[in-house]
Amino acid sequence: MNKPSNRSRHRIERSQASPTIFPVIDPVSISQALVVADHLSFSRAAHVLGVRQSAVSRRVRALEDQLGVSLFERHASGVRLTVAGRHFLDNTRSAIHEIDLAVKNAGAAGRGDEGVIRIGILPCLLPGFLCDHLAEFREAQPGVILDFFEGPPEQLIARIMARRLDIAFITSGTPTPGCDAEALWSSVICVALSDRHPLAGCDAIDWELLKDERPWARRSQPCCPPE
């Protein structure tokens, strides 16, 4: 049987190598080291933190032992950052800032302060009540982007079910299988009639009077004129 080549052996050795294990750094030790760096003094840092100086010194020393480098040069009047200490703490400060920003952004998205809302609408519904409320929402939540999609009710419901829309505004009577639906408002519908039509002189017209009339809007697109 042929022996594996050197290249093959290297590949086998790499595949069997243990994953890199990084030391678990105590975040409290890092935060206290940052305070020491800000004040260049263990005693002042301990006063700011409200703990004993020996506790701060012990945590920073343990952190240095974990890293294998000295972060501070200690002398009688205080401390001075080493080159390694300056690089480590500068990078750490940036990382903490990024984590803090990520936490704030996640909280903002969870509260609805930021993000994108995909909204399905019928073209005829945008003016009036819905337009006014969307304008109020945009003013109250400037960090939220409103992404609109216009289409017939059946297409809007299909997009809701496919997770391609977050919410859709449709007319009542539209089947909404698998969706939560709620009536938000009602509107008065105006009927356009010829001035010679028998119903033209009525102040209000009931649906029963219109049952034999030819409708202007189709059932599939109740607010849109036929093509």
Protein backbone atom coordinates (compact mmCIF):
# COMPACT_ATOMS: atom_id res chain seq x y z
CA MET A 1 0.00 0.00 0.00
CA ASN A 2 1.40 3.43 -0.99
CA LYS A 3 2.20 5.88 1.80
CA PRO A 4 0.45 9.24 1.67
CA SER A 5 2.52 12.08 0.28
CA ASN A 6 3.81 14.84 2.53
CA ARG A 7 1.09 17.12 1.23
CA SER A 8 -1.58 14.53 2.07
CA ARG A 9 -0.14 14.02 5.54
CA HIS A 10 -0.25 17.79 6.15
CA ARG A 11 -3.88 17.88 5.12
CA ILE A 12 -4.69 15.03 7.51
CA GLU A 13 -2.80 16.70 10.33
CA ARG A 14 -4.61 20.01 9.78
CA SER A 15 -8.01 18.34 9.70
CA GLN A 16 -7.32 16.58 12.99
CA ALA A 17 -5.91 19.66 14.76
CA SER A 18 -7.83 20.96 17.77
CA PRO A 19 -9.75 24.23 17.28
CA THR A 20 -8.15 27.37 18.66
CA ILE A 21 -9.29 28.08 22.20
CA PHE A 22 -9.30 31.72 23.25
CA PRO A 23 -9.02 32.67 26.92
CA VAL A 24 -12.19 33.79 28.64
CA ILE A 25 -11.56 37.38 29.69
CA ASP A 26 -13.48 38.80 32.64
CA PRO A 27 -15.33 41.90 31.34
CA VAL A 28 -15.19 43.46 34.81
CA SER A 29 -11.39 43.29 34.72
CA ILE A 30 -11.39 45.01 31.31
CA SER A 31 -13.75 47.76 32.48
CA GLN A 32 -11.63 48.41 35.56
CA ALA A 33 -8.45 48.48 33.46
CA LEU A 34 -10.09 51.11 31.24
CA VAL A 35 -10.87 53.26 34.30
CA VAL A 36 -7.25 52.91 35.46
CA ALA A 37 -6.12 53.98 31.96
CA ASP A 38 -8.44 57.01 32.08
CA HIS A 39 -7.09 58.18 35.45
CA LEU A 40 -3.54 56.73 35.24
CA SER A 41 -3.90 55.76 38.88
CA PHE A 42 -5.13 52.68 40.71
CA SER A 43 -6.20 54.71 43.73
CA ARG A 44 -8.27 57.22 41.70
CA ALA A 45 -9.78 54.40 39.65
CA ALA A 46 -10.76 52.56 42.85
CA HIS A 47 -12.34 55.76 44.21
CA VAL A 48 -14.38 56.24 41.01
CA LEU A 49 -15.45 52.58 41.01
CA GLY A 50 -16.24 52.58 44.73
CA VAL A 51 -14.07 49.53 45.48
CA ARG A 52 -10.80 48.90 47.22
CA GLN A 53 -7.56 49.71 45.42
CA SER A 54 -6.26 46.21 46.13
CA ALA A 55 -9.29 44.72 44.34
CA VAL A 56 -8.65 46.82 41.24
CA SER A 57 -4.95 46.01 41.28
CA ARG A 58 -5.68 42.31 41.68
CA ARG A 59 -8.13 42.23 38.75
CA VAL A 60 -5.78 44.15 36.44
CA ARG A 61 -2.88 41.89 37.38
CA ALA A 62 -4.99 38.81 36.64
CA LEU A 63 -5.92 40.33 33.26
CA GLU A 64 -2.25 40.93 32.45
CA ASP A 65 -1.46 37.33 33.40
CA GLN A 66 -4.17 36.07 31.05
CA LEU A 67 -2.93 38.25 28.18
CA GLY A 68 0.71 37.52 28.87
CA VAL A 69 1.66 41.21 28.64
CA SER A 70 1.91 44.16 31.01
CA LEU A 71 -0.71 46.80 30.41
CA PHE A 72 0.74 49.37 32.80
CA GLU A 73 4.11 50.48 34.06
CA ARG A 74 3.69 51.05 37.79
CA HIS A 75 5.58 53.76 39.65
CA ALA A 76 5.20 55.73 42.88
CA SER A 77 3.16 58.60 41.43
CA GLY A 78 0.79 56.45 39.38
CA VAL A 79 0.87 54.27 36.28
CA ARG A 80 1.70 54.67 32.61
CA LEU A 81 0.31 52.62 29.74
CA THR A 82 2.71 50.30 27.97
CA VAL A 83 2.64 50.10 24.18
CA ALA A 84 0.83 46.76 24.41
CA GLY A 85 -1.56 48.21 26.99
CA ARG A 86 -2.42 51.21 24.81
CA HIS A 87 -3.15 49.00 21.78
CA PHE A 88 -5.20 46.50 23.78
CA LEU A 89 -7.31 49.03 25.65
CA ASP A 90 -7.88 51.23 22.58
CA ASN A 91 -9.13 48.21 20.64
CA THR A 92 -11.16 47.06 23.63
CA ARG A 93 -12.77 50.48 24.00
CA SER A 94 -13.75 50.42 20.31
CA ALA A 95 -15.16 46.90 20.67
CA ILE A 96 -17.22 47.89 23.73
CA HIS A 97 -18.55 50.91 21.82
CA GLU A 98 -19.59 48.66 18.91
CA ILE A 99 -21.29 46.19 21.26
CA ASP A 100 -23.09 49.03 23.03
CA LEU A 101 -24.22 50.41 19.66
CA ALA A 102 -25.41 46.95 18.56
CA VAL A 103 -27.43 46.57 21.77
CA LYS A 104 -29.02 50.01 21.31
CA ASN A 105 -29.83 49.28 17.66
CA ALA A 106 -31.36 45.92 18.57
CA GLY A 107 -33.49 47.60 21.23
CA ALA A 108 -34.56 50.31 18.79
CA ALA A 109 -35.55 47.72 16.18
CA GLY A 110 -37.43 45.71 18.81
CA ARG A 111 -39.37 48.80 19.91
CA GLY A 112 -40.14 49.75 16.30
CA ASP A 113 -37.96 52.87 16.42
CA GLU A 114 -35.89 51.68 13.44
CA GLY A 115 -36.18 49.24 10.55
CA VAL A 116 -38.39 48.73 7.51
CA ILE A 117 -42.14 48.09 7.42
CA ARG A 118 -43.40 46.58 4.16
CA ILE A 119 -46.94 47.80 3.58
CA GLY A 120 -49.43 46.55 1.02
CA ILE A 121 -52.16 48.94 -0.10
CA LEU A 122 -54.92 49.40 -2.61
CA PRO A 123 -54.18 52.60 -4.57
CA CYS A 124 -57.56 54.08 -3.68
CA LEU A 125 -56.99 53.69 0.07
CA LEU A 126 -53.87 55.83 0.35
CA PRO A 127 -55.55 59.26 0.20
CA GLY A 128 -57.55 60.34 3.23
CA PHE A 129 -57.60 58.48 6.54
CA LEU A 130 -54.73 56.07 5.82
CA CYS A 131 -52.49 58.74 4.30
CA ASP A 132 -52.97 61.00 7.33
CA HIS A 133 -52.13 58.25 9.80
CA LEU A 134 -49.08 57.08 7.86
CA ALA A 135 -47.84 60.68 7.80
CA GLU A 136 -48.29 60.89 11.59
CA PHE A 137 -46.40 57.61 12.03
CA ARG A 138 -43.56 58.78 9.79
CA GLU A 139 -43.25 61.98 11.81
CA ALA A 140 -43.29 60.10 15.13
CA GLN A 141 -40.87 57.37 13.95
CA PRO A 142 -38.39 59.02 11.53
CA GLY A 143 -36.02 56.06 11.82
CA VAL A 144 -38.54 53.64 10.28
CA ILE A 145 -38.65 53.22 6.49
CA LEU A 146 -42.10 52.61 4.97
CA ASP A 147 -41.87 50.41 1.85
CA PHE A 148 -45.14 50.37 -0.12
CA PHE A 149 -46.49 47.79 -2.55
CA GLU A 150 -49.69 48.41 -4.54
CA GLY A 151 -51.84 45.56 -5.79
CA PRO A 152 -55.24 43.86 -5.68
CA PRO A 153 -56.40 42.37 -2.34
CA GLU A 154 -55.70 38.74 -3.28
CA GLN A 155 -52.11 39.57 -4.20
CA LEU A 156 -51.60 41.50 -0.97
CA ILE A 157 -52.87 38.58 1.11
CA ALA A 158 -50.62 36.18 -0.83
CA ARG A 159 -47.61 38.39 -0.08
CA ILE A 160 -48.56 38.50 3.59
CA MET A 161 -48.65 34.69 3.71
CA ALA A 162 -45.28 34.52 1.90
CA ARG A 163 -43.73 36.92 4.46
CA ARG A 164 -43.12 39.48 1.70
CA LEU A 165 -45.33 42.06 3.40
CA ASP A 166 -45.66 42.93 7.07
CA ILE A 167 -49.13 44.46 6.87
CA ALA A 168 -51.74 45.14 4.21
CA PHE A 169 -54.68 47.55 4.08
CA ILE A 170 -57.61 46.10 2.13
CA THR A 171 -61.37 46.56 1.86
CA SER A 172 -63.74 44.56 4.05
CA GLY A 173 -65.10 41.35 2.59
CA THR A 174 -61.75 40.22 1.21
CA PRO A 175 -61.00 36.62 2.30
CA THR A 176 -58.03 36.61 4.69
CA PRO A 177 -57.24 32.92 5.40
CA GLY A 178 -54.42 32.49 7.89
CA CYS A 179 -54.25 36.22 8.67
CA ASP A 180 -55.35 38.38 11.58
CA ALA A 181 -57.73 41.04 10.30
CA GLU A 182 -59.20 44.05 12.07
CA ALA A 183 -61.56 46.79 10.90
CA LEU A 184 -59.81 50.15 11.31
CA TRP A 185 -62.20 52.63 9.76
CA SER A 186 -65.22 53.00 7.48
CA SER A 187 -65.68 55.43 4.64
CA VAL A 188 -68.57 56.93 2.76
CA ILE A 189 -68.71 55.79 -0.86
CA CYS A 190 -69.89 58.31 -3.44
CA VAL A 191 -71.85 57.11 -6.45
CA ALA A 192 -71.50 58.99 -9.73
CA LEU A 193 -74.72 59.08 -11.71
CA SER A 194 -75.95 60.89 -14.76
CA ASP A 195 -78.09 63.92 -13.95
CA ARG A 196 -80.88 62.18 -15.86
CA HIS A 197 -80.63 58.98 -13.81
CA PRO A 198 -83.73 58.17 -11.73
CA LEU A 199 -81.64 58.13 -8.54
CA ALA A 200 -79.80 61.39 -9.25
CA GLY A 201 -82.06 63.43 -6.98
CA CYS A 202 -81.56 61.23 -3.88
CA ASP A 203 -79.49 62.54 -0.97
CA ALA A 204 -78.48 58.97 0.03
CA ILE A 205 -78.64 55.74 -1.94
CA ASP A 206 -78.96 52.28 -0.39
CA TRP A 207 -77.08 49.30 -1.83
CA GLU A 208 -80.42 47.67 -2.59
CA LEU A 209 -81.16 50.44 -5.09
CA LEU A 210 -77.92 49.77 -6.93
CA LYS A 211 -78.15 45.99 -7.20
CA ASP A 212 -79.26 46.11 -10.83
CA GLU A 213 -76.83 48.85 -11.87
CA ARG A 214 -73.64 48.14 -13.78
CA PRO A 215 -70.78 48.61 -11.27
CA TRP A 216 -67.83 50.86 -12.00
CA ALA A 217 -65.41 48.86 -9.82
CA ARG A 218 -64.66 45.17 -10.18
CA ARG A 219 -64.91 42.75 -7.25
CA SER A 220 -61.21 41.82 -7.53
CA GLN A 221 -60.18 45.49 -7.48
CA PRO A 222 -63.00 47.27 -5.66
CA CYS A 223 -61.47 50.72 -5.86
CA CYS A 224 -59.96 50.66 -9.32
CA PRO A 225 -61.74 51.38 -12.61
CA PRO A 226 -62.00 48.52 -15.13
CA GLU A 227 -59.46 48.40 -17.94
